[in-house]
Amino acid sequence: MDQEKIKEAVRLFLEGIGEDPAREGLIETPDRVARMCEEIYSGLGKDAEAHLCKQFTVDHNEIVLVKDITFYSTCEHHLLPFYGKAHIAYIPDGKVVGLSKLARTVEVYARRPQIQEQLTVQIADALETYLHPLGIMVMIEAEHMCMTMRGIKKPGSQTVTYATRGCFCNQTDKPKMFMEMVRL
């Protein structure tokens, strides 16, 4: 990331909204925002492969579910946060990954500006690409600040997206079981 460009952009933004970037409370804001960008956009240029490549052999093909993975992301349309929970299930085809690797995969994709629909699909695609399971289901439930603090102003509204692959697409019992497990 280009820290100097971010700092200059923040200074110009502050001037644009009618603020004085040299006033005491704002003088260090461009630097703080630049450092914040390093953290909240740290997924840019990263791939989930680093987290999903270490796998372990198993002799079962039952559902593996990690639910309630908290994430924070940024809407690419307004550059406002959206945040919520991701739920990931897959049915192994002889290989599993460490459970924390699923949460790390969510972080890779959540830490970039985008839309929730894309985030959901990216997670499912990464699992399919690197793990090759029999089936995948990813569901994300999130609140979008672009809907709560501006525009329609409806706090508490949730957007739910999901993506399915493999046997979750053609076996009706699998998505139903996933939903029941998520709601436990």
N, C-alpha and C. Protein backbone atom coordinates (compact mmCIF):
# COMPACT_ATOMS: atom_id res chain seq x y z
N MET A 1 0.83 -1.18 0.00
CA MET A 1 0.00 0.00 0.00
C MET A 1 0.87 1.25 0.00
N ASP A 2 0.36 2.25 -0.64
CA ASP A 2 1.09 3.51 -0.72
C ASP A 2 0.59 4.42 0.40
N GLN A 3 1.31 4.41 1.52
CA GLN A 3 0.93 5.18 2.70
C GLN A 3 0.81 6.68 2.41
N GLU A 4 1.72 7.22 1.63
CA GLU A 4 1.70 8.66 1.36
C GLU A 4 0.46 9.06 0.56
N LYS A 5 0.07 8.24 -0.41
CA LYS A 5 -1.14 8.53 -1.17
C LYS A 5 -2.38 8.50 -0.27
N ILE A 6 -2.42 7.55 0.63
CA ILE A 6 -3.56 7.45 1.56
C ILE A 6 -3.61 8.70 2.45
N LYS A 7 -2.46 9.09 2.99
CA LYS A 7 -2.41 10.28 3.85
C LYS A 7 -2.88 11.53 3.10
N GLU A 8 -2.40 11.70 1.88
CA GLU A 8 -2.80 12.87 1.09
C GLU A 8 -4.29 12.83 0.78
N ALA A 9 -4.80 11.65 0.46
CA ALA A 9 -6.23 11.51 0.17
C ALA A 9 -7.07 11.87 1.39
N VAL A 10 -6.63 11.47 2.57
CA VAL A 10 -7.37 11.79 3.80
C VAL A 10 -7.34 13.30 4.05
N ARG A 11 -6.18 13.91 3.85
CA ARG A 11 -6.09 15.37 4.01
C ARG A 11 -7.07 16.08 3.06
N LEU A 12 -7.08 15.65 1.80
CA LEU A 12 -7.99 16.25 0.81
C LEU A 12 -9.45 15.99 1.17
N PHE A 13 -9.74 14.82 1.66
CA PHE A 13 -11.10 14.48 2.08
C PHE A 13 -11.55 15.40 3.21
N LEU A 14 -10.69 15.57 4.21
CA LEU A 14 -11.02 16.44 5.33
C LEU A 14 -11.28 17.87 4.86
N GLU A 15 -10.44 18.35 3.97
CA GLU A 15 -10.67 19.69 3.40
C GLU A 15 -11.98 19.72 2.62
N GLY A 16 -12.26 18.66 1.87
CA GLY A 16 -13.45 18.59 1.05
C GLY A 16 -14.75 18.64 1.85
N ILE A 17 -14.75 18.10 3.07
CA ILE A 17 -15.96 18.15 3.89
C ILE A 17 -16.02 19.41 4.74
N GLY A 18 -15.01 20.28 4.58
CA GLY A 18 -15.01 21.56 5.29
C GLY A 18 -14.24 21.57 6.60
N GLU A 19 -13.41 20.57 6.80
CA GLU A 19 -12.60 20.50 8.02
C GLU A 19 -11.22 21.07 7.78
N ASP A 20 -10.53 21.35 8.86
CA ASP A 20 -9.15 21.83 8.80
C ASP A 20 -8.24 20.68 9.21
N PRO A 21 -7.54 20.04 8.27
CA PRO A 21 -6.69 18.90 8.62
C PRO A 21 -5.53 19.28 9.54
N ALA A 22 -5.30 20.57 9.76
CA ALA A 22 -4.22 21.00 10.63
C ALA A 22 -4.70 21.24 12.06
N ARG A 23 -6.00 21.11 12.31
CA ARG A 23 -6.46 21.35 13.68
C ARG A 23 -6.02 20.19 14.58
N GLU A 24 -5.88 20.48 15.86
CA GLU A 24 -5.28 19.55 16.81
C GLU A 24 -5.86 18.13 16.75
N GLY A 25 -7.16 18.00 16.74
CA GLY A 25 -7.77 16.66 16.75
C GLY A 25 -7.62 15.89 15.46
N LEU A 26 -7.28 16.57 14.38
CA LEU A 26 -7.19 15.91 13.07
C LEU A 26 -5.78 15.80 12.53
N ILE A 27 -4.83 16.45 13.16
CA ILE A 27 -3.49 16.54 12.58
C ILE A 27 -2.85 15.15 12.36
N GLU A 28 -3.13 14.20 13.22
CA GLU A 28 -2.56 12.86 13.07
C GLU A 28 -3.51 11.88 12.39
N THR A 29 -4.70 12.34 12.03
CA THR A 29 -5.70 11.46 11.41
C THR A 29 -5.22 10.83 10.10
N PRO A 30 -4.59 11.57 9.19
CA PRO A 30 -4.13 10.91 7.96
C PRO A 30 -3.19 9.74 8.23
N ASP A 31 -2.30 9.89 9.19
CA ASP A 31 -1.39 8.79 9.52
C ASP A 31 -2.14 7.62 10.14
N ARG A 32 -3.09 7.92 11.04
CA ARG A 32 -3.89 6.85 11.66
C ARG A 32 -4.69 6.08 10.62
N VAL A 33 -5.29 6.80 9.68
CA VAL A 33 -6.09 6.14 8.64
C VAL A 33 -5.20 5.28 7.75
N ALA A 34 -4.04 5.77 7.41
CA ALA A 34 -3.11 5.00 6.58
C ALA A 34 -2.72 3.69 7.27
N ARG A 35 -2.43 3.77 8.58
CA ARG A 35 -2.09 2.55 9.33
C ARG A 35 -3.30 1.62 9.43
N MET A 36 -4.49 2.19 9.60
CA MET A 36 -5.70 1.39 9.67
C MET A 36 -5.91 0.63 8.35
N CYS A 37 -5.64 1.29 7.23
CA CYS A 37 -5.83 0.65 5.93
C CYS A 37 -4.94 -0.58 5.78
N GLU A 38 -3.74 -0.52 6.32
CA GLU A 38 -2.85 -1.69 6.29
C GLU A 38 -3.53 -2.90 6.93
N GLU A 39 -4.26 -2.66 7.99
CA GLU A 39 -4.93 -3.75 8.71
C GLU A 39 -6.23 -4.18 8.03
N ILE A 40 -7.12 -3.24 7.78
CA ILE A 40 -8.45 -3.64 7.32
C ILE A 40 -8.49 -4.05 5.85
N TYR A 41 -7.46 -3.73 5.09
CA TYR A 41 -7.38 -4.19 3.71
C TYR A 41 -6.22 -5.17 3.51
N SER A 42 -5.83 -5.84 4.56
CA SER A 42 -4.68 -6.74 4.51
C SER A 42 -4.91 -7.98 3.64
N GLY A 43 -6.15 -8.24 3.23
CA GLY A 43 -6.42 -9.39 2.36
C GLY A 43 -6.11 -9.13 0.90
N LEU A 44 -5.91 -7.87 0.53
CA LEU A 44 -5.59 -7.55 -0.86
C LEU A 44 -4.27 -8.21 -1.26
N GLY A 45 -4.30 -8.90 -2.37
CA GLY A 45 -3.08 -9.55 -2.85
C GLY A 45 -2.77 -10.87 -2.18
N LYS A 46 -3.61 -11.31 -1.25
CA LYS A 46 -3.38 -12.60 -0.59
C LYS A 46 -4.32 -13.64 -1.17
N ASP A 47 -3.93 -14.89 -1.01
CA ASP A 47 -4.71 -16.01 -1.50
C ASP A 47 -4.93 -16.98 -0.34
N ALA A 48 -6.03 -17.67 -0.36
CA ALA A 48 -6.34 -18.63 0.72
C ALA A 48 -5.48 -19.88 0.64
N GLU A 49 -4.77 -20.07 -0.43
CA GLU A 49 -3.95 -21.27 -0.58
C GLU A 49 -3.00 -21.47 0.59
N ALA A 50 -2.42 -20.40 1.08
CA ALA A 50 -1.47 -20.51 2.19
C ALA A 50 -2.11 -21.17 3.41
N HIS A 51 -3.42 -20.98 3.57
CA HIS A 51 -4.11 -21.56 4.72
C HIS A 51 -4.70 -22.93 4.43
N LEU A 52 -5.05 -23.18 3.20
CA LEU A 52 -5.76 -24.42 2.86
C LEU A 52 -4.86 -25.52 2.30
N CYS A 53 -3.57 -25.24 2.12
CA CYS A 53 -2.70 -26.24 1.51
C CYS A 53 -2.26 -27.34 2.48
N LYS A 54 -2.22 -27.04 3.78
CA LYS A 54 -1.83 -28.09 4.75
C LYS A 54 -3.08 -28.88 5.10
N GLN A 55 -3.10 -30.13 4.67
CA GLN A 55 -4.28 -30.98 4.84
C GLN A 55 -3.92 -32.27 5.55
N PHE A 56 -4.94 -32.89 6.10
CA PHE A 56 -4.78 -34.13 6.84
C PHE A 56 -5.72 -35.18 6.26
N THR A 57 -5.25 -36.41 6.19
CA THR A 57 -6.05 -37.51 5.65
C THR A 57 -7.06 -37.99 6.68
N VAL A 58 -8.28 -38.24 6.22
CA VAL A 58 -9.36 -38.79 7.06
C VAL A 58 -10.05 -39.90 6.31
N ASP A 59 -10.71 -40.77 7.05
CA ASP A 59 -11.43 -41.87 6.40
C ASP A 59 -12.94 -41.75 6.56
N HIS A 60 -13.43 -40.52 6.69
CA HIS A 60 -14.88 -40.31 6.78
C HIS A 60 -15.30 -39.24 5.79
N ASN A 61 -16.60 -39.17 5.56
CA ASN A 61 -17.12 -38.14 4.67
C ASN A 61 -18.38 -37.52 5.28
N GLU A 62 -18.29 -37.18 6.55
CA GLU A 62 -19.38 -36.52 7.24
C GLU A 62 -19.14 -35.01 7.23
N ILE A 63 -20.20 -34.26 7.45
CA ILE A 63 -20.12 -32.80 7.39
C ILE A 63 -19.17 -32.25 8.46
N VAL A 64 -18.31 -31.34 8.03
CA VAL A 64 -17.48 -30.56 8.93
C VAL A 64 -18.04 -29.13 8.87
N LEU A 65 -18.40 -28.58 10.01
CA LEU A 65 -19.00 -27.24 10.06
C LEU A 65 -18.27 -26.38 11.07
N VAL A 66 -17.90 -25.19 10.64
CA VAL A 66 -17.43 -24.16 11.56
C VAL A 66 -18.41 -23.01 11.38
N LYS A 67 -19.08 -22.66 12.47
CA LYS A 67 -20.11 -21.62 12.37
C LYS A 67 -19.75 -20.43 13.24
N ASP A 68 -20.47 -19.34 13.00
CA ASP A 68 -20.31 -18.11 13.77
C ASP A 68 -18.90 -17.54 13.72
N ILE A 69 -18.29 -17.58 12.54
CA ILE A 69 -16.98 -16.96 12.34
C ILE A 69 -17.22 -15.47 12.16
N THR A 70 -16.86 -14.69 13.15
CA THR A 70 -17.05 -13.23 13.07
C THR A 70 -16.09 -12.64 12.05
N PHE A 71 -16.60 -11.72 11.24
CA PHE A 71 -15.76 -11.05 10.27
C PHE A 71 -16.18 -9.58 10.15
N TYR A 72 -15.28 -8.78 9.63
CA TYR A 72 -15.52 -7.37 9.31
C TYR A 72 -14.99 -7.15 7.91
N SER A 73 -15.77 -6.48 7.09
CA SER A 73 -15.34 -6.19 5.73
C SER A 73 -15.76 -4.77 5.38
N THR A 74 -15.49 -4.37 4.14
CA THR A 74 -15.81 -3.03 3.68
C THR A 74 -16.57 -3.11 2.37
N CYS A 75 -17.72 -2.46 2.33
CA CYS A 75 -18.53 -2.39 1.12
C CYS A 75 -17.79 -1.55 0.08
N GLU A 76 -17.62 -2.11 -1.10
CA GLU A 76 -16.89 -1.38 -2.13
C GLU A 76 -17.69 -0.22 -2.72
N HIS A 77 -18.99 -0.18 -2.48
CA HIS A 77 -19.81 0.89 -3.04
C HIS A 77 -19.74 2.19 -2.24
N HIS A 78 -19.64 2.08 -0.92
CA HIS A 78 -19.62 3.29 -0.08
C HIS A 78 -18.41 3.36 0.85
N LEU A 79 -17.58 2.34 0.82
CA LEU A 79 -16.42 2.22 1.71
C LEU A 79 -16.84 2.32 3.17
N LEU A 80 -17.99 1.73 3.48
CA LEU A 80 -18.46 1.61 4.85
C LEU A 80 -18.38 0.14 5.25
N PRO A 81 -18.26 -0.13 6.55
CA PRO A 81 -18.14 -1.52 6.99
C PRO A 81 -19.43 -2.32 6.82
N PHE A 82 -19.25 -3.62 6.63
CA PHE A 82 -20.31 -4.59 6.88
C PHE A 82 -19.67 -5.69 7.70
N TYR A 83 -20.45 -6.28 8.57
CA TYR A 83 -19.88 -7.24 9.51
C TYR A 83 -20.94 -8.26 9.89
N GLY A 84 -20.47 -9.41 10.33
CA GLY A 84 -21.42 -10.44 10.73
C GLY A 84 -20.73 -11.75 11.01
N LYS A 85 -21.43 -12.83 10.61
CA LYS A 85 -20.97 -14.19 10.88
C LYS A 85 -20.94 -14.98 9.58
N ALA A 86 -19.91 -15.78 9.44
CA ALA A 86 -19.81 -16.72 8.32
C ALA A 86 -19.95 -18.13 8.89
N HIS A 87 -20.62 -18.97 8.14
CA HIS A 87 -20.79 -20.38 8.49
C HIS A 87 -20.29 -21.18 7.29
N ILE A 88 -19.37 -22.10 7.54
CA ILE A 88 -18.76 -22.88 6.46
C ILE A 88 -18.90 -24.36 6.78
N ALA A 89 -19.42 -25.11 5.80
CA ALA A 89 -19.50 -26.57 5.93
C ALA A 89 -18.92 -27.20 4.68
N TYR A 90 -18.27 -28.34 4.87
CA TYR A 90 -17.83 -29.11 3.72
C TYR A 90 -17.85 -30.59 4.08
N ILE A 91 -17.92 -31.41 3.06
CA ILE A 91 -17.88 -32.86 3.23
C ILE A 91 -16.57 -33.31 2.62
N PRO A 92 -15.66 -33.81 3.45
CA PRO A 92 -14.32 -34.17 2.97
C PRO A 92 -14.36 -35.31 1.95
N ASP A 93 -13.41 -35.29 1.07
CA ASP A 93 -13.17 -36.42 0.16
C ASP A 93 -11.77 -36.94 0.45
N GLY A 94 -11.59 -37.37 1.71
CA GLY A 94 -10.31 -37.94 2.12
C GLY A 94 -9.35 -36.95 2.75
N LYS A 95 -9.64 -35.65 2.71
CA LYS A 95 -8.74 -34.64 3.27
C LYS A 95 -9.53 -33.59 4.04
N VAL A 96 -8.96 -33.13 5.16
CA VAL A 96 -9.52 -32.02 5.93
C VAL A 96 -8.39 -31.02 6.19
N VAL A 97 -8.80 -29.81 6.59
CA VAL A 97 -7.84 -28.79 7.02
C VAL A 97 -8.10 -28.48 8.48
N GLY A 98 -7.13 -27.88 9.14
CA GLY A 98 -7.35 -27.44 10.51
C GLY A 98 -8.51 -26.47 10.56
N LEU A 99 -9.30 -26.53 11.60
CA LEU A 99 -10.51 -25.70 11.69
C LEU A 99 -10.20 -24.21 11.63
N SER A 100 -9.09 -23.80 12.23
CA SER A 100 -8.74 -22.37 12.19
C SER A 100 -8.45 -21.90 10.77
N LYS A 101 -8.10 -22.82 9.89
CA LYS A 101 -7.80 -22.44 8.51
C LYS A 101 -9.05 -21.96 7.78
N LEU A 102 -10.22 -22.45 8.20
CA LEU A 102 -11.46 -21.97 7.60
C LEU A 102 -11.70 -20.52 8.01
N ALA A 103 -11.46 -20.22 9.28
CA ALA A 103 -11.61 -18.84 9.75
C ALA A 103 -10.58 -17.94 9.08
N ARG A 104 -9.38 -18.43 8.88
CA ARG A 104 -8.35 -17.64 8.19
C ARG A 104 -8.72 -17.38 6.74
N THR A 105 -9.38 -18.34 6.12
CA THR A 105 -9.84 -18.16 4.74
C THR A 105 -10.88 -17.04 4.68
N VAL A 106 -11.79 -17.01 5.64
CA VAL A 106 -12.77 -15.92 5.71
C VAL A 106 -12.04 -14.59 5.81
N GLU A 107 -11.03 -14.50 6.67
CA GLU A 107 -10.27 -13.26 6.86
C GLU A 107 -9.58 -12.79 5.58
N VAL A 108 -8.99 -13.72 4.83
CA VAL A 108 -8.30 -13.35 3.60
C VAL A 108 -9.24 -12.57 2.68
N TYR A 109 -10.46 -13.07 2.54
CA TYR A 109 -11.38 -12.43 1.60
C TYR A 109 -12.16 -11.28 2.22
N ALA A 110 -12.39 -11.31 3.53
CA ALA A 110 -13.12 -10.22 4.18
C ALA A 110 -12.28 -8.95 4.24
N ARG A 111 -10.97 -9.08 4.27
CA ARG A 111 -10.07 -7.94 4.42
C ARG A 111 -9.74 -7.28 3.08
N ARG A 112 -10.80 -6.92 2.36
CA ARG A 112 -10.67 -6.19 1.10
C ARG A 112 -12.01 -5.54 0.78
N PRO A 113 -12.01 -4.45 0.02
CA PRO A 113 -13.29 -3.85 -0.34
C PRO A 113 -14.03 -4.73 -1.35
N GLN A 114 -15.32 -4.98 -1.09
CA GLN A 114 -16.09 -5.87 -1.96
C GLN A 114 -17.55 -5.89 -1.54
N ILE A 115 -18.33 -6.75 -2.17
CA ILE A 115 -19.72 -6.94 -1.79
C ILE A 115 -19.87 -8.30 -1.11
N GLN A 116 -20.87 -8.42 -0.28
CA GLN A 116 -21.09 -9.65 0.48
C GLN A 116 -21.27 -10.85 -0.44
N GLU A 117 -21.99 -10.67 -1.53
CA GLU A 117 -22.22 -11.78 -2.46
C GLU A 117 -20.90 -12.35 -2.98
N GLN A 118 -19.97 -11.47 -3.28
CA GLN A 118 -18.66 -11.88 -3.78
C GLN A 118 -17.87 -12.60 -2.69
N LEU A 119 -17.92 -12.07 -1.47
CA LEU A 119 -17.21 -12.69 -0.35
C LEU A 119 -17.66 -14.14 -0.17
N THR A 120 -18.95 -14.37 -0.23
CA THR A 120 -19.51 -15.71 -0.04
C THR A 120 -18.98 -16.67 -1.10
N VAL A 121 -19.01 -16.24 -2.35
CA VAL A 121 -18.57 -17.08 -3.46
C VAL A 121 -17.06 -17.31 -3.40
N GLN A 122 -16.29 -16.30 -3.03
CA GLN A 122 -14.83 -16.46 -2.96
C GLN A 122 -14.44 -17.53 -1.95
N ILE A 123 -15.11 -17.57 -0.82
CA ILE A 123 -14.80 -18.57 0.20
C ILE A 123 -15.12 -19.97 -0.33
N ALA A 124 -16.30 -20.13 -0.93
CA ALA A 124 -16.68 -21.44 -1.49
C ALA A 124 -15.71 -21.86 -2.59
N ASP A 125 -15.36 -20.93 -3.47
CA ASP A 125 -14.43 -21.26 -4.56
C ASP A 125 -13.06 -21.68 -4.04
N ALA A 126 -12.58 -21.00 -3.00
CA ALA A 126 -11.26 -21.36 -2.44
C ALA A 126 -11.29 -22.77 -1.87
N LEU A 127 -12.34 -23.10 -1.14
CA LEU A 127 -12.45 -24.47 -0.60
C LEU A 127 -12.49 -25.49 -1.72
N GLU A 128 -13.25 -25.18 -2.76
CA GLU A 128 -13.36 -26.11 -3.89
C GLU A 128 -12.01 -26.27 -4.59
N THR A 129 -11.30 -25.18 -4.79
CA THR A 129 -10.03 -25.20 -5.50
C THR A 129 -8.95 -25.95 -4.75
N TYR A 130 -8.83 -25.73 -3.45
CA TYR A 130 -7.69 -26.28 -2.71
C TYR A 130 -8.00 -27.54 -1.92
N LEU A 131 -9.25 -27.74 -1.56
CA LEU A 131 -9.59 -28.90 -0.72
C LEU A 131 -10.28 -30.01 -1.51
N HIS A 132 -10.95 -29.68 -2.59
CA HIS A 132 -11.66 -30.65 -3.43
C HIS A 132 -12.62 -31.54 -2.63
N PRO A 133 -13.48 -30.94 -1.81
CA PRO A 133 -14.42 -31.76 -1.03
C PRO A 133 -15.57 -32.25 -1.89
N LEU A 134 -16.37 -33.15 -1.33
CA LEU A 134 -17.55 -33.67 -2.02
C LEU A 134 -18.65 -32.61 -2.12
N GLY A 135 -18.67 -31.71 -1.15
CA GLY A 135 -19.66 -30.65 -1.15
C GLY A 135 -19.26 -29.51 -0.24
N ILE A 136 -19.81 -28.33 -0.53
CA ILE A 136 -19.49 -27.12 0.24
C ILE A 136 -20.76 -26.30 0.39
N MET A 137 -20.93 -25.70 1.56
CA MET A 137 -21.97 -24.69 1.73
C MET A 137 -21.40 -23.58 2.60
N VAL A 138 -21.53 -22.37 2.12
CA VAL A 138 -21.08 -21.19 2.85
C VAL A 138 -22.28 -20.25 2.97
N MET A 139 -22.53 -19.80 4.20
CA MET A 139 -23.60 -18.83 4.43
C MET A 139 -23.02 -17.66 5.22
N ILE A 140 -23.37 -16.46 4.80
CA ILE A 140 -22.92 -15.27 5.51
C ILE A 140 -24.13 -14.43 5.87
N GLU A 141 -24.16 -14.01 7.13
CA GLU A 141 -25.20 -13.13 7.65
C GLU A 141 -24.50 -11.85 8.09
N ALA A 142 -24.92 -10.70 7.55
CA ALA A 142 -24.19 -9.48 7.86
C ALA A 142 -25.11 -8.26 7.92
N GLU A 143 -24.65 -7.30 8.72
CA GLU A 143 -25.29 -5.99 8.78
C GLU A 143 -24.39 -5.01 8.04
N HIS A 144 -25.00 -4.18 7.20
CA HIS A 144 -24.26 -3.24 6.35
C HIS A 144 -24.48 -1.82 6.84
N MET A 145 -23.39 -1.15 7.19
CA MET A 145 -23.49 0.23 7.67
C MET A 145 -24.03 1.16 6.58
N CYS A 146 -23.89 0.80 5.32
CA CYS A 146 -24.45 1.64 4.25
C CYS A 146 -25.98 1.60 4.25
N MET A 147 -26.55 0.62 4.95
CA MET A 147 -28.01 0.56 5.09
C MET A 147 -28.48 1.05 6.46
N THR A 148 -27.58 1.13 7.42
CA THR A 148 -28.01 1.49 8.77
C THR A 148 -27.72 2.95 9.13
N MET A 149 -26.62 3.51 8.65
CA MET A 149 -26.28 4.88 9.04
C MET A 149 -26.50 5.90 7.93
N ARG A 150 -26.86 5.44 6.75
CA ARG A 150 -27.14 6.34 5.63
C ARG A 150 -28.24 5.70 4.79
N GLY A 151 -28.65 6.38 3.74
CA GLY A 151 -29.63 5.82 2.82
C GLY A 151 -30.94 5.46 3.52
N ILE A 152 -31.31 4.21 3.48
CA ILE A 152 -32.59 3.73 4.02
C ILE A 152 -32.65 3.79 5.55
N LYS A 153 -31.49 3.77 6.21
CA LYS A 153 -31.39 3.87 7.68
C LYS A 153 -32.25 2.82 8.40
N LYS A 154 -31.91 1.57 8.19
CA LYS A 154 -32.62 0.46 8.82
C LYS A 154 -31.66 -0.39 9.65
N PRO A 155 -31.30 0.09 10.85
CA PRO A 155 -30.39 -0.68 11.70
C PRO A 155 -30.99 -2.03 12.06
N GLY A 156 -30.12 -3.01 12.16
CA GLY A 156 -30.54 -4.36 12.55
C GLY A 156 -30.93 -5.23 11.38
N SER A 157 -31.08 -4.65 10.20
CA SER A 157 -31.44 -5.49 9.05
C SER A 157 -30.23 -6.36 8.68
N GLN A 158 -30.51 -7.59 8.32
CA GLN A 158 -29.46 -8.55 7.99
C GLN A 158 -29.56 -8.95 6.52
N THR A 159 -28.43 -9.09 5.89
CA THR A 159 -28.36 -9.63 4.55
C THR A 159 -27.76 -11.02 4.66
N VAL A 160 -28.42 -11.99 4.04
CA VAL A 160 -27.97 -13.38 4.10
C VAL A 160 -27.65 -13.85 2.68
N THR A 161 -26.45 -14.36 2.50
CA THR A 161 -26.05 -14.91 1.22
C THR A 161 -25.51 -16.31 1.44
N TYR A 162 -25.64 -17.15 0.42
CA TYR A 162 -25.03 -18.47 0.54
C TYR A 162 -24.56 -18.95 -0.82
N ALA A 163 -23.61 -19.87 -0.78
CA ALA A 163 -23.08 -20.50 -1.98
C ALA A 163 -22.97 -21.99 -1.70
N THR A 164 -23.32 -22.79 -2.69
CA THR A 164 -23.24 -24.24 -2.55
C THR A 164 -22.41 -24.81 -3.69
N ARG A 165 -21.77 -25.91 -3.42
CA ARG A 165 -21.01 -26.65 -4.41
C ARG A 165 -21.22 -28.14 -4.15
N GLY A 166 -21.04 -28.93 -5.19
CA GLY A 166 -21.08 -30.39 -5.07
C GLY A 166 -22.39 -30.92 -4.55
N CYS A 167 -22.32 -31.86 -3.62
CA CYS A 167 -23.52 -32.54 -3.13
C CYS A 167 -24.49 -31.62 -2.39
N PHE A 168 -24.04 -30.45 -1.97
CA PHE A 168 -24.98 -29.50 -1.36
C PHE A 168 -25.92 -28.91 -2.41
N CYS A 169 -25.57 -29.04 -3.68
CA CYS A 169 -26.42 -28.53 -4.76
C CYS A 169 -27.51 -29.52 -5.16
N ASN A 170 -27.20 -30.81 -5.11
CA ASN A 170 -28.15 -31.78 -5.66
C ASN A 170 -28.72 -32.77 -4.65
N GLN A 171 -28.43 -32.59 -3.38
CA GLN A 171 -29.01 -33.44 -2.34
C GLN A 171 -29.72 -32.54 -1.34
N THR A 172 -31.02 -32.57 -1.32
CA THR A 172 -31.80 -31.63 -0.50
C THR A 172 -31.58 -31.82 0.99
N ASP A 173 -31.19 -33.02 1.43
CA ASP A 173 -30.99 -33.24 2.86
C ASP A 173 -29.75 -32.51 3.39
N LYS A 174 -28.73 -32.31 2.55
CA LYS A 174 -27.48 -31.67 3.01
C LYS A 174 -27.69 -30.20 3.38
N PRO A 175 -28.30 -29.37 2.51
CA PRO A 175 -28.52 -27.98 2.92
C PRO A 175 -29.44 -27.88 4.14
N LYS A 176 -30.42 -28.75 4.22
CA LYS A 176 -31.32 -28.74 5.38
C LYS A 176 -30.54 -29.06 6.66
N MET A 177 -29.67 -30.05 6.60
CA MET A 177 -28.86 -30.41 7.76
C MET A 177 -27.93 -29.24 8.13
N PHE A 178 -27.34 -28.60 7.13
CA PHE A 178 -26.48 -27.44 7.36
C PHE A 178 -27.24 -26.37 8.13
N MET A 179 -28.43 -26.03 7.65
CA MET A 179 -29.23 -24.98 8.30
C MET A 179 -29.60 -25.36 9.72
N GLU A 180 -29.92 -26.60 9.95
CA GLU A 180 -30.25 -27.05 11.31
C GLU A 180 -29.03 -26.95 12.22
N MET A 181 -27.87 -27.31 11.70
CA MET A 181 -26.64 -27.24 12.50
C MET A 181 -26.26 -25.80 12.82
N VAL A 182 -26.44 -24.91 11.86
CA VAL A 182 -26.11 -23.49 12.08
C VAL A 182 -27.03 -22.91 13.15
N ARG A 183 -28.28 -23.30 13.18
CA ARG A 183 -29.26 -22.73 14.10
C ARG A 183 -29.22 -23.37 15.49
N LEU A 184 -28.41 -24.40 15.71
CA LEU A 184 -28.32 -25.02 17.05
C LEU A 184 -27.80 -24.05 18.08
